[in-house]
PDB file of N, CA and C in Angstrom:
ATOM      1  N   MET A   1     -12.412   3.106 -12.078  1.00  0.00           N
ATOM      2  CA  MET A   1     -11.374   3.643 -11.688  1.00  0.00           C
ATOM      3  C   MET A   1     -10.956   2.305 -12.849  1.00  0.00           C
ATOM      4  N   LYS A   2      -9.385   2.495 -13.239  1.00  0.00           N
ATOM      5  CA  LYS A   2      -8.786   1.761 -14.111  1.00  0.00           C
ATOM      6  C   LYS A   2      -8.218   0.738 -13.239  1.00  0.00           C
ATOM      7  N   ASN A   3      -7.693  -0.752 -14.010  1.00  0.00           N
ATOM      8  CA  ASN A   3      -7.078  -1.478 -13.234  1.00  0.00           C
ATOM      9  C   ASN A   3      -5.390  -1.147 -12.782  1.00  0.00           C
ATOM     10  N   PHE A   4      -4.925  -0.426 -13.235  1.00  0.00           N
ATOM     11  CA  PHE A   4      -4.041   0.619 -12.836  1.00  0.00           C
ATOM     12  C   PHE A   4      -3.762   1.663 -13.155  1.00  0.00           C
ATOM     13  N   THR A   5      -3.437   2.216 -12.073  1.00  0.00           N
ATOM     14  CA  THR A   5      -2.844   3.578 -12.112  1.00  0.00           C
ATOM     15  C   THR A   5      -1.328   4.101 -12.138  1.00  0.00           C
ATOM     16  N   SER A   6      -0.832   5.139 -12.548  1.00  0.00           N
ATOM     17  CA  SER A   6       0.632   5.141 -12.126  1.00  0.00           C
ATOM     18  C   SER A   6       0.218   6.805 -11.357  1.00  0.00           C
ATOM     19  N   ILE A   7       0.881   6.884 -10.169  1.00  0.00           N
ATOM     20  CA  ILE A   7       1.122   8.086  -9.576  1.00  0.00           C
ATOM     21  C   ILE A   7       2.420   9.014  -9.337  1.00  0.00           C
ATOM     22  N   CYS A   8       2.263   9.817 -10.177  1.00  0.00           N
ATOM     23  CA  CYS A   8       3.591  11.463  -9.898  1.00  0.00           C
ATOM     24  C   CYS A   8       4.973  10.394  -9.972  1.00  0.00           C
ATOM     25  N   ASN A   9       5.142   9.222 -10.417  1.00  0.00           N
ATOM     26  CA  ASN A   9       6.440   8.223 -10.651  1.00  0.00           C
ATOM     27  C   ASN A   9       7.443   8.486  -9.591  1.00  0.00           C
ATOM     28  N   LYS A  10       6.137   7.935  -8.364  1.00  0.00           N
ATOM     29  CA  LYS A  10       6.267   7.320  -7.008  1.00  0.00           C
ATOM     30  C   LYS A  10       5.523   6.324  -6.597  1.00  0.00           C
ATOM     31  N   GLY A  11       4.887   5.746  -7.513  1.00  0.00           N
ATOM     32  CA  GLY A  11       4.215   4.757  -6.887  1.00  0.00           C
ATOM     33  C   GLY A  11       2.672   4.529  -7.822  1.00  0.00           C
ATOM     34  N   PHE A  12       1.918   3.365  -7.307  1.00  0.00           N
ATOM     35  CA  PHE A  12       0.627   2.886  -8.270  1.00  0.00           C
ATOM     36  C   PHE A  12      -0.129   2.274  -7.629  1.00  0.00           C
ATOM     37  N   VAL A  13      -1.221   2.364  -8.389  1.00  0.00           N
ATOM     38  CA  VAL A  13      -2.703   1.885  -7.466  1.00  0.00           C
ATOM     39  C   VAL A  13      -2.854   0.388  -8.509  1.00  0.00           C
ATOM     40  N   MET A  14      -3.304  -0.479  -7.920  1.00  0.00           N
ATOM     41  CA  MET A  14      -4.155  -1.792  -8.925  1.00  0.00           C
ATOM     42  C   MET A  14      -5.537  -1.842  -8.060  1.00  0.00           C
ATOM     43  N   ALA A  15      -6.448  -2.013  -9.185  1.00  0.00           N
ATOM     44  CA  ALA A  15      -7.771  -2.657  -8.542  1.00  0.00           C
ATOM     45  C   ALA A  15      -8.172  -4.112  -9.080  1.00  0.00           C
ATOM     46  N   ILE A  16      -8.070  -5.086  -7.447  1.00  0.00           N
ATOM     47  CA  ILE A  16      -8.113  -6.097  -7.438  1.00  0.00           C
ATOM     48  C   ILE A  16      -9.408  -6.641  -7.264  1.00  0.00           C
ATOM     49  N   ASN A  17     -10.593  -7.198  -7.547  1.00  0.00           N
ATOM     50  CA  ASN A  17     -11.043  -8.497  -6.823  1.00  0.00           C
ATOM     51  C   ASN A  17     -12.323  -7.665  -5.984  1.00  0.00           C
ATOM     52  N   GLY A  18     -12.443  -6.378  -6.516  1.00  0.00           N
ATOM     53  CA  GLY A  18     -13.150  -5.335  -5.657  1.00  0.00           C
ATOM     54  C   GLY A  18     -12.878  -4.615  -4.581  1.00  0.00           C
ATOM     55  N   TYR A  19     -11.040  -4.330  -4.335  1.00  0.00           N
ATOM     56  CA  TYR A  19     -10.442  -3.403  -3.782  1.00  0.00           C
ATOM     57  C   TYR A  19      -9.186  -2.940  -4.634  1.00  0.00           C
ATOM     58  N   SER A  20      -8.727  -1.744  -3.831  1.00  0.00           N
ATOM     59  CA  SER A  20      -7.884  -0.826  -4.558  1.00  0.00           C
ATOM     60  C   SER A  20      -6.855  -0.680  -4.028  1.00  0.00           C
ATOM     61  N   ILE A  21      -5.461  -1.048  -4.347  1.00  0.00           N
ATOM     62  CA  ILE A  21      -4.372  -1.469  -3.477  1.00  0.00           C
ATOM     63  C   ILE A  21      -3.235  -0.109  -3.958  1.00  0.00           C
ATOM     64  N   SER A  22      -2.992   0.703  -3.142  1.00  0.00           N
ATOM     65  CA  SER A  22      -2.055   1.703  -3.356  1.00  0.00           C
ATOM     66  C   SER A  22      -0.491   1.109  -2.528  1.00  0.00           C
ATOM     67  N   VAL A  23       0.021   1.197  -3.722  1.00  0.00           N
ATOM     68  CA  VAL A  23       1.830   1.108  -3.218  1.00  0.00           C
ATOM     69  C   VAL A  23       2.614   2.327  -3.824  1.00  0.00           C
ATOM     70  N   GLN A  24       2.701   3.275  -2.724  1.00  0.00           N
ATOM     71  CA  GLN A  24       3.372   4.262  -2.992  1.00  0.00           C
ATOM     72  C   GLN A  24       5.133   4.292  -2.080  1.00  0.00           C
ATOM     73  N   TYR A  25       6.067   5.048  -2.911  1.00  0.00           N
ATOM     74  CA  TYR A  25       7.274   4.801  -2.282  1.00  0.00           C
ATOM     75  C   TYR A  25       8.117   6.035  -2.808  1.00  0.00           C
ATOM     76  N   GLY A  26       8.086   6.854  -2.280  1.00  0.00           N
ATOM     77  CA  GLY A  26       8.603   8.032  -2.686  1.00  0.00           C
ATOM     78  C   GLY A  26       8.686   9.016  -1.222  1.00  0.00           C
ATOM     79  N   PRO A  27       8.632  10.405  -1.490  1.00  0.00           N
ATOM     80  CA  PRO A  27       9.599  11.566  -0.527  1.00  0.00           C
ATOM     81  C   PRO A  27       7.698  11.735   0.314  1.00  0.00           C
ATOM     82  N   GLY A  28       7.523  11.856   1.416  1.00  0.00           N
ATOM     83  CA  GLY A  28       6.234  11.953   1.882  1.00  0.00           C
ATOM     84  C   GLY A  28       5.699  10.622   2.448  1.00  0.00           C
ATOM     85  N   ASN A  29       6.325   9.488   2.129  1.00  0.00           N
ATOM     86  CA  ASN A  29       5.464   7.961   2.494  1.00  0.00           C
ATOM     87  C   ASN A  29       6.862   7.673   3.747  1.00  0.00           C
ATOM     88  N   TYR A  30       5.507   6.477   4.185  1.00  0.00           N
ATOM     89  CA  TYR A  30       6.244   5.945   5.092  1.00  0.00           C
ATOM     90  C   TYR A  30       7.345   4.486   4.143  1.00  0.00           C
ATOM     91  N   VAL A  31       8.511   5.245   4.504  1.00  0.00           N
ATOM     92  CA  VAL A  31       9.209   4.143   3.654  1.00  0.00           C
ATOM     93  C   VAL A  31      10.960   4.713   3.691  1.00  0.00           C
ATOM     94  N   ASP A  32      12.229   4.153   3.096  1.00  0.00           N
ATOM     95  CA  ASP A  32      13.493   4.589   3.592  1.00  0.00           C
ATOM     96  C   ASP A  32      13.390   5.977   4.108  1.00  0.00           C
ATOM     97  N   SER A  33      13.606   6.045   5.399  1.00  0.00           N
ATOM     98  CA  SER A  33      14.219   8.188   5.035  1.00  0.00           C
ATOM     99  C   SER A  33      14.430   8.717   5.009  1.00  0.00           C
ATOM    100  N   ASP A  34      15.574   8.737   3.775  1.00  0.00           N
ATOM    101  CA  ASP A  34      16.573   9.127   3.135  1.00  0.00           C
ATOM    102  C   ASP A  34      15.354   9.443   1.958  1.00  0.00           C
ATOM    103  N   ILE A  35      14.343   8.480   1.970  1.00  0.00           N
ATOM    104  CA  ILE A  35      13.290   9.068   0.652  1.00  0.00           C
ATOM    105  C   ILE A  35      12.480   9.712   1.275  1.00  0.00           C
ATOM    106  N   ARG A  36      11.877   9.333   2.116  1.00  0.00           N
ATOM    107  CA  ARG A  36      10.740   9.940   3.001  1.00  0.00           C
ATOM    108  C   ARG A  36      11.230  11.369   3.016  1.00  0.00           C
ATOM    109  N   TYR A  37      12.053  11.622   3.250  1.00  0.00           N
ATOM    110  CA  TYR A  37      12.089  13.117   3.698  1.00  0.00           C
ATOM    111  C   TYR A  37      12.848  13.871   2.285  1.00  0.00           C
ATOM    112  N   SER A  38      13.025  13.092   2.089  1.00  0.00           N
ATOM    113  CA  SER A  38      13.676  14.357   0.631  1.00  0.00           C
ATOM    114  C   SER A  38      13.175  14.884   0.303  1.00  0.00           C
ATOM    115  N   ASP A  39      13.974  16.145  -0.792  1.00  0.00           N
ATOM    116  CA  ASP A  39      13.810  17.415  -1.048  1.00  0.00           C
ATOM    117  C   ASP A  39      13.153  16.742  -2.935  1.00  0.00           C
ATOM    118  N   ASP A  40      14.102  15.874  -2.926  1.00  0.00           N
ATOM    119  CA  ASP A  40      14.063  15.739  -4.739  1.00  0.00           C
ATOM    120  C   ASP A  40      12.404  14.992  -5.138  1.00  0.00           C
ATOM    121  N   ASN A  41      11.532  16.112  -6.321  1.00  0.00           N
ATOM    122  CA  ASN A  41      10.474  15.660  -6.425  1.00  0.00           C
ATOM    123  C   ASN A  41      10.613  14.281  -7.849  1.00  0.00           C
ATOM    124  N   PRO A  42      10.087  13.401  -7.237  1.00  0.00           N
ATOM    125  CA  PRO A  42      10.329  12.350  -8.218  1.00  0.00           C
ATOM    126  C   PRO A  42      10.299  12.392  -9.454  1.00  0.00           C
ATOM    127  N   MET A  43       9.599  13.302  -9.989  1.00  0.00           N
ATOM    128  CA  MET A  43       8.713  13.539 -11.398  1.00  0.00           C
ATOM    129  C   MET A  43      10.718  14.184 -12.422  1.00  0.00           C
ATOM    130  N   ASP A  44      10.838  14.485 -11.669  1.00  0.00           N
ATOM    131  CA  ASP A  44      12.581  14.852 -12.214  1.00  0.00           C
ATOM    132  C   ASP A  44      13.486  13.501 -12.971  1.00  0.00           C
ATOM    133  N   HIS A  45      13.367  12.627 -12.047  1.00  0.00           N
ATOM    134  CA  HIS A  45      13.863  11.315 -12.404  1.00  0.00           C
ATOM    135  C   HIS A  45      13.113  10.437 -13.428  1.00  0.00           C
ATOM    136  N   ALA A  46      14.155   9.666 -14.365  1.00  0.00           N
ATOM    137  CA  ALA A  46      13.042   8.629 -15.299  1.00  0.00           C
ATOM    138  C   ALA A  46      13.349   7.611 -14.480  1.00  0.00           C
ATOM    139  N   VAL A  47      14.144   7.227 -12.925  1.00  0.00           N
ATOM    140  CA  VAL A  47      13.861   6.173 -12.076  1.00  0.00           C
ATOM    141  C   VAL A  47      13.903   6.931 -10.934  1.00  0.00           C
ATOM    142  N   TRP A  48      12.495   6.347 -10.164  1.00  0.00           N
ATOM    143  CA  TRP A  48      12.538   6.756  -8.803  1.00  0.00           C
ATOM    144  C   TRP A  48      12.534   5.452  -7.920  1.00  0.00           C
ATOM    145  N   GLU A  49      13.133   5.195  -6.844  1.00  0.00           N
ATOM    146  CA  GLU A  49      13.470   3.891  -6.165  1.00  0.00           C
ATOM    147  C   GLU A  49      13.419   3.416  -4.664  1.00  0.00           C
ATOM    148  N   SER A  50      13.203   2.774  -3.967  1.00  0.00           N
ATOM    149  CA  SER A  50      12.943   2.727  -2.494  1.00  0.00           C
ATOM    150  C   SER A  50      13.283   0.958  -2.256  1.00  0.00           C
ATOM    151  N   ASP A  51      14.028   0.874  -0.962  1.00  0.00           N
ATOM    152  CA  ASP A  51      13.560  -0.610  -0.452  1.00  0.00           C
ATOM    153  C   ASP A  51      11.598  -0.741   0.385  1.00  0.00           C
ATOM    154  N   LEU A  52      11.675   0.499   0.893  1.00  0.00           N
ATOM    155  CA  LEU A  52      10.729   0.164   1.155  1.00  0.00           C
ATOM    156  C   LEU A  52       9.075   0.969   0.673  1.00  0.00           C
ATOM    157  N   ALA A  53       7.855   0.454   0.998  1.00  0.00           N
ATOM    158  CA  ALA A  53       6.730   1.164   0.493  1.00  0.00           C
ATOM    159  C   ALA A  53       5.596   1.331   1.506  1.00  0.00           C
ATOM    160  N   GLU A  54       4.974   2.408   1.080  1.00  0.00           N
ATOM    161  CA  GLU A  54       3.586   2.835   2.156  1.00  0.00           C
ATOM    162  C   GLU A  54       2.281   1.879   1.391  1.00  0.00           C
ATOM    163  N   VAL A  55       1.500   1.426   1.809  1.00  0.00           N
ATOM    164  CA  VAL A  55       0.327   0.556   1.376  1.00  0.00           C
ATOM    165  C   VAL A  55      -0.955   0.946   1.920  1.00  0.00           C
ATOM    166  N   MET A  56      -1.848   1.115   0.788  1.00  0.00           N
ATOM    167  CA  MET A  56      -3.006   1.610   1.540  1.00  0.00           C
ATOM    168  C   MET A  56      -4.180   0.948   0.958  1.00  0.00           C
ATOM    169  N   VAL A  57      -5.174  -0.045   1.444  1.00  0.00           N
ATOM    170  CA  VAL A  57      -5.920  -1.107   0.776  1.00  0.00           C
ATOM    171  C   VAL A  57      -7.463  -0.379   0.873  1.00  0.00           C
ATOM    172  N   THR A  58      -8.370  -0.158  -0.340  1.00  0.00           N
ATOM    173  CA  THR A  58      -9.521   0.775  -0.398  1.00  0.00           C
ATOM    174  C   THR A  58     -10.560  -0.374  -0.449  1.00  0.00           C
ATOM    175  N   ASP A  59     -11.586   0.223  -0.197  1.00  0.00           N
ATOM    176  CA  ASP A  59     -12.877  -0.457  -1.366  1.00  0.00           C
ATOM    177  C   ASP A  59     -13.244  -0.075  -2.168  1.00  0.00           C
ATOM    178  N   LEU A  60     -14.648  -0.634  -3.056  1.00  0.00           N
ATOM    179  CA  LEU A  60     -14.449   0.238  -3.790  1.00  0.00           C
ATOM    180  C   LEU A  60     -15.748   1.288  -3.726  1.00  0.00           C
ATOM    181  N   LEU A  61     -15.824   2.005  -2.696  1.00  0.00           N
ATOM    182  CA  LEU A  61     -16.057   3.392  -2.644  1.00  0.00           C
ATOM    183  C   LEU A  61     -14.960   4.227  -1.918  1.00  0.00           C
ATOM    184  N   ASN A  62     -13.576   3.693  -2.455  1.00  0.00           N
ATOM    185  CA  ASN A  62     -12.636   4.407  -2.051  1.00  0.00           C
ATOM    186  C   ASN A  62     -12.365   4.267  -0.289  1.00  0.00           C
ATOM    187  N   ARG A  63     -13.117   3.634   0.234  1.00  0.00           N
ATOM    188  CA  ARG A  63     -13.197   3.780   2.015  1.00  0.00           C
ATOM    189  C   ARG A  63     -11.878   2.962   1.887  1.00  0.00           C
ATOM    190  N   SER A  64     -10.815   3.204   3.472  1.00  0.00           N
ATOM    191  CA  SER A  64      -9.542   2.463   3.892  1.00  0.00           C
ATOM    192  C   SER A  64     -10.138   1.758   4.513  1.00  0.00           C
ATOM    193  N   LEU A  65      -9.694   0.180   4.254  1.00  0.00           N
ATOM    194  CA  LEU A  65     -10.237  -0.622   4.870  1.00  0.00           C
ATOM    195  C   LEU A  65      -9.188  -0.998   6.716  1.00  0.00           C
ATOM    196  N   PHE A  66      -8.833   0.266   6.702  1.00  0.00           N
ATOM    197  CA  PHE A  66      -7.732   0.124   8.304  1.00  0.00           C
ATOM    198  C   PHE A  66      -8.330   2.042   8.617  1.00  0.00           C
ATOM    199  N   ASP A  67      -8.242   2.120  10.064  1.00  0.00           N
ATOM    200  CA  ASP A  67      -8.357   3.279  10.427  1.00  0.00           C
ATOM    201  C   ASP A  67      -8.094   3.445  11.725  1.00  0.00           C
ATOM    202  N   LYS A  68      -7.634   4.368  12.216  1.00  0.00           N
ATOM    203  CA  LYS A  68      -6.928   4.985  12.809  1.00  0.00           C
ATOM    204  C   LYS A  68      -8.147   4.741  14.059  1.00  0.00           C
ATOM    205  N   GLY A  69      -7.424   3.882  15.632  1.00  0.00           N
ATOM    206  CA  GLY A  69      -8.426   3.692  16.320  1.00  0.00           C
ATOM    207  C   GLY A  69      -9.676   1.949  15.908  1.00  0.00           C
ATOM    208  N   ASP A  70      -9.526   1.717  14.695  1.00  0.00           N
ATOM    209  CA  ASP A  70     -10.269   0.432  14.883  1.00  0.00           C
ATOM    210  C   ASP A  70      -9.669  -0.978  15.116  1.00  0.00           C
ATOM    211  N   ASP A  71     -10.138  -1.687  15.728  1.00  0.00           N
ATOM    212  CA  ASP A  71      -9.519  -2.870  16.052  1.00  0.00           C
ATOM    213  C   ASP A  71      -8.704  -3.703  15.588  1.00  0.00           C
ATOM    214  N   TYR A  72      -7.966  -3.725  13.841  1.00  0.00           N
ATOM    215  CA  TYR A  72      -7.141  -3.882  13.404  1.00  0.00           C
ATOM    216  C   TYR A  72      -5.527  -3.214  13.346  1.00  0.00           C
ATOM    217  N   LEU A  73      -5.908  -1.767  13.062  1.00  0.00           N
ATOM    218  CA  LEU A  73      -4.656  -1.312  12.489  1.00  0.00           C
ATOM    219  C   LEU A  73      -4.854  -0.193  13.510  1.00  0.00           C
ATOM    220  N   ASP A  74      -3.395   0.158  13.380  1.00  0.00           N
ATOM    221  CA  ASP A  74      -3.792   2.357  13.927  1.00  0.00           C
ATOM    222  C   ASP A  74      -3.789   2.859  12.782  1.00  0.00           C
ATOM    223  N   ASP A  75      -3.409   3.080  12.228  1.00  0.00           N
ATOM    224  CA  ASP A  75      -3.734   4.113  10.587  1.00  0.00           C
ATOM    225  C   ASP A  75      -4.048   3.356   9.595  1.00  0.00           C
ATOM    226  N   ALA A  76      -4.405   4.564   8.491  1.00  0.00           N
ATOM    227  CA  ALA A  76      -4.893   3.915   7.351  1.00  0.00           C
ATOM    228  C   ALA A  76      -4.121   3.020   6.619  1.00  0.00           C
ATOM    229  N   VAL A  77      -2.846   3.675   6.427  1.00  0.00           N
ATOM    230  CA  VAL A  77      -1.765   3.376   5.519  1.00  0.00           C
ATOM    231  C   VAL A  77      -0.830   2.291   6.438  1.00  0.00           C
ATOM    232  N   LEU A  78      -0.174   0.854   5.513  1.00  0.00           N
ATOM    233  CA  LEU A  78       0.779   0.114   6.122  1.00  0.00           C
ATOM    234  C   LEU A  78       1.953   0.782   5.894  1.00  0.00           C
ATOM    235  N   GLY A  79       2.911   0.560   6.637  1.00  0.00           N
ATOM    236  CA  GLY A  79       4.113   1.731   6.493  1.00  0.00           C
ATOM    237  C   GLY A  79       5.303   0.461   6.178  1.00  0.00           C
ATOM    238  N   HIS A  80       6.470   1.105   5.612  1.00  0.00           N
ATOM    239  CA  HIS A  80       7.724   0.367   5.724  1.00  0.00           C
ATOM    240  C   HIS A  80       7.512  -1.169   5.300  1.00  0.00           C
ATOM    241  N   CYS A  81       6.850  -1.194   4.092  1.00  0.00           N
ATOM    242  CA  CYS A  81       6.335  -2.564   3.740  1.00  0.00           C
ATOM    243  C   CYS A  81       7.560  -3.042   2.996  1.00  0.00           C
ATOM    244  N   THR A  82       8.528  -4.352   2.958  1.00  0.00           N
ATOM    245  CA  THR A  82       8.989  -4.940   2.156  1.00  0.00           C
ATOM    246  C   THR A  82       7.716  -5.052   0.462  1.00  0.00           C
ATOM    247  N   SER A  83       9.092  -5.431  -0.050  1.00  0.00           N
ATOM    248  CA  SER A  83       8.431  -5.709  -2.025  1.00  0.00           C
ATOM    249  C   SER A  83       7.650  -7.097  -1.458  1.00  0.00           C
ATOM    250  N   GLU A  84       7.964  -8.374  -0.473  1.00  0.00           N
ATOM    251  CA  GLU A  84       7.411  -9.205  -0.444  1.00  0.00           C
ATOM    252  C   GLU A  84       6.501  -9.442   0.724  1.00  0.00           C
ATOM    253  N   THR A  85       6.779  -8.293   1.668  1.00  0.00           N
ATOM    254  CA  THR A  85       5.068  -7.617   2.517  1.00  0.00           C
ATOM    255  C   THR A  85       3.885  -7.280   0.953  1.00  0.00           C
ATOM    256  N   VAL A  86       4.285  -6.451   0.057  1.00  0.00           N
ATOM    257  CA  VAL A  86       3.725  -6.119  -0.720  1.00  0.00           C
ATOM    258  C   VAL A  86       2.955  -7.024  -1.892  1.00  0.00           C
ATOM    259  N   ALA A  87       3.951  -8.251  -1.857  1.00  0.00           N
ATOM    260  CA  ALA A  87       3.260  -9.385  -2.957  1.00  0.00           C
ATOM    261  C   ALA A  87       1.976 -10.344  -1.933  1.00  0.00           C
ATOM    262  N   ARG A  88       2.332 -10.439  -0.966  1.00  0.00           N
ATOM    263  CA  ARG A  88       1.708 -11.215   0.243  1.00  0.00           C
ATOM    264  C   ARG A  88       0.498 -10.525   0.196  1.00  0.00           C
ATOM    265  N   ILE A  89      -0.086  -9.388   0.279  1.00  0.00           N
ATOM    266  CA  ILE A  89      -1.169  -8.470   0.541  1.00  0.00           C
ATOM    267  C   ILE A  89      -2.023  -8.595  -1.281  1.00  0.00           C
ATOM    268  N   ILE A  90      -1.506  -8.027  -2.291  1.00  0.00           N
ATOM    269  CA  ILE A  90      -1.473  -8.793  -3.618  1.00  0.00           C
ATOM    270  C   ILE A  90      -2.032 -10.053  -3.325  1.00  0.00           C
ATOM    271  N   SER A  91      -1.694 -11.017  -2.837  1.00  0.00           N
ATOM    272  CA  SER A  91      -2.015 -12.352  -3.344  1.00  0.00           C
ATOM    273  C   SER A  91      -2.929 -12.803  -2.283  1.00  0.00           C
ATOM    274  N   THR A  92      -3.284 -12.107  -1.029  1.00  0.00           N
ATOM    275  CA  THR A  92      -4.475 -12.243   0.318  1.00  0.00           C
ATOM    276  C   THR A  92      -5.489 -11.686  -1.078  1.00  0.00           C
ATOM    277  N   LEU A  93      -5.684 -10.363  -1.698  1.00  0.00           N
ATOM    278  CA  LEU A  93      -6.580  -9.491  -2.103  1.00  0.00           C
ATOM    279  C   LEU A  93      -7.102 -10.261  -3.483  1.00  0.00           C
ATOM    280  N   VAL A  94      -6.297 -11.479  -4.243  1.00  0.00           N
ATOM    281  CA  VAL A  94      -6.574 -11.964  -5.401  1.00  0.00           C
ATOM    282  C   VAL A  94      -7.420 -13.185  -5.138  1.00  0.00           C
ATOM    283  N   HIS A  95      -7.019 -13.619  -3.837  1.00  0.00           N
ATOM    284  CA  HIS A  95      -7.445 -15.164  -3.775  1.00  0.00           C
ATOM    285  C   HIS A  95      -8.726 -15.002  -2.278  1.00  0.00           C
ATOM    286  N   SER A  96      -9.209 -13.722  -2.132  1.00  0.00           N
ATOM    287  CA  SER A  96      -9.883 -13.907  -1.442  1.00  0.00           C
ATOM    288  C   SER A  96     -11.411 -13.704  -2.072  1.00  0.00           C
ATOM    289  N   PRO A  97     -12.184 -14.612  -1.757  1.00  0.00           N
ATOM    290  CA  PRO A  97     -13.727 -14.862  -2.092  1.00  0.00           C
ATOM    291  C   PRO A  97     -14.441 -13.418  -2.052  1.00  0.00           C
ATOM    292  N   GLU A  98     -14.801 -12.912  -2.820  1.00  0.00           N
ATOM    293  CA  GLU A  98     -15.554 -11.607  -3.050  1.00  0.00           C
ATOM    294  C   GLU A  98     -17.109 -11.572  -1.399  1.00  0.00           C
ATOM    295  N   GLY A  99     -16.386 -10.193  -0.653  1.00  0.00           N
ATOM    296  CA  GLY A  99     -17.404 -10.144   0.794  1.00  0.00           C
ATOM    297  C   GLY A  99     -16.396 -10.463   1.474  1.00  0.00           C
ATOM    298  N   GLU A 100     -15.484 -11.124   1.516  1.00  0.00           N
ATOM    299  CA  GLU A 100     -14.700 -11.493   2.799  1.00  0.00           C
ATOM    300  C   GLU A 100     -14.123 -10.748   3.290  1.00  0.00           C
ATOM    301  N   ASP A 101     -13.914 -10.544   4.571  1.00  0.00           N
ATOM    302  CA  ASP A 101     -13.180  -9.422   5.295  1.00  0.00           C
ATOM    303  C   ASP A 101     -11.948 -10.282   5.164  1.00  0.00           C
ATOM    304  N   VAL A 102     -10.917  -9.455   4.596  1.00  0.00           N
ATOM    305  CA  VAL A 102      -9.727  -9.708   4.305  1.00  0.00           C
ATOM    306  C   VAL A 102      -8.646  -8.863   5.420  1.00  0.00           C
ATOM    307  N   ARG A 103      -9.101  -8.238   6.439  1.00  0.00           N
ATOM    308  CA  ARG A 103      -8.511  -7.607   7.280  1.00  0.00           C
ATOM    309  C   ARG A 103      -7.770  -8.317   8.406  1.00  0.00           C
ATOM    310  N   PRO A 104      -8.108  -9.364   9.049  1.00  0.00           N
ATOM    311  CA  PRO A 104      -6.923 -10.148   9.678  1.00  0.00           C
ATOM    312  C   PRO A 104      -6.507 -10.935   9.156  1.00  0.00           C
ATOM    313  N   ALA A 105      -6.667 -11.143   7.613  1.00  0.00           N
ATOM    314  CA  ALA A 105      -5.077 -11.683   6.535  1.00  0.00           C
ATOM    315  C   ALA A 105      -4.397 -10.707   6.952  1.00  0.00           C
ATOM    316  N   ILE A 106      -4.121  -9.821   6.527  1.00  0.00           N
ATOM    317  CA  ILE A 106      -3.474  -8.894   6.088  1.00  0.00           C
ATOM    318  C   ILE A 106      -3.065  -8.607   7.305  1.00  0.00           C
ATOM    319  N   VAL A 107      -3.176  -7.983   8.385  1.00  0.00           N
ATOM    320  CA  VAL A 107      -2.598  -7.312   9.690  1.00  0.00           C
ATOM    321  C   VAL A 107      -1.846  -8.401   9.972  1.00  0.00           C
ATOM    322  N   GLN A 108      -1.882 -10.213   9.898  1.00  0.00           N
ATOM    323  CA  GLN A 108      -1.068 -11.045  10.509  1.00  0.00           C
ATOM    324  C   GLN A 108       0.549 -11.050   9.390  1.00  0.00           C
ATOM    325  N   ILE A 109      -0.323 -10.426   8.245  1.00  0.00           N
ATOM    326  CA  ILE A 109       0.968 -10.472   7.138  1.00  0.00           C
ATOM    327  C   ILE A 109       1.773  -9.118   7.484  1.00  0.00           C
ATOM    328  N   VAL A 110       1.494  -7.985   7.992  1.00  0.00           N
ATOM    329  CA  VAL A 110       2.137  -6.945   8.666  1.00  0.00           C
ATOM    330  C   VAL A 110       2.938  -7.248   9.554  1.00  0.00           C
ATOM    331  N   GLU A 111       2.326  -7.844  10.641  1.00  0.00           N
ATOM    332  CA  GLU A 111       2.490  -8.163  12.259  1.00  0.00           C
ATOM    333  C   GLU A 111       3.548  -9.082  12.044  1.00  0.00           C
ATOM    334  N   ALA A 112       3.544 -10.030  10.737  1.00  0.00           N
ATOM    335  CA  ALA A 112       4.447 -11.390  10.990  1.00  0.00           C
ATOM    336  C   ALA A 112       5.799 -10.882  10.006  1.00  0.00           C
ATOM    337  N   SER A 113       5.569  -9.280   9.486  1.00  0.00           N
ATOM    338  CA  SER A 113       6.930  -9.000   8.541  1.00  0.00           C
ATOM    339  C   SER A 113       7.673  -8.038   9.249  1.00  0.00           C
ATOM    340  N   HIS A 114       7.293  -7.666  10.659  1.00  0.00           N
ATOM    341  CA  HIS A 114       8.082  -6.689  11.449  1.00  0.00           C
ATOM    342  C   HIS A 114       8.812  -7.560  12.581  1.00  0.00           C
TER     343      HIS A 114
END
């Protein structure tokens, strides 16, 4: 995987310190309701935007750090995240030593944002 990947004009993926973070903000994602349920095709727009984003963090084997029923969060994706929340999650990934369990820190960030 490359360090930066664009996803259908509605999101991106970044490789950071042994993790991958997907930030999506288009139809079908856990974002602003007018965007989430929109029939618009993001590829038909020069600019696609939303106030909220959906985030997924995976390991090098593309396994989500969060799954339904685990001890941390109820879903693989973290929905309705502000730009500040996304920035804090990215900062956590950047500053965590390799092999450290980042899940508790990310949960704390997400819970503090709600």
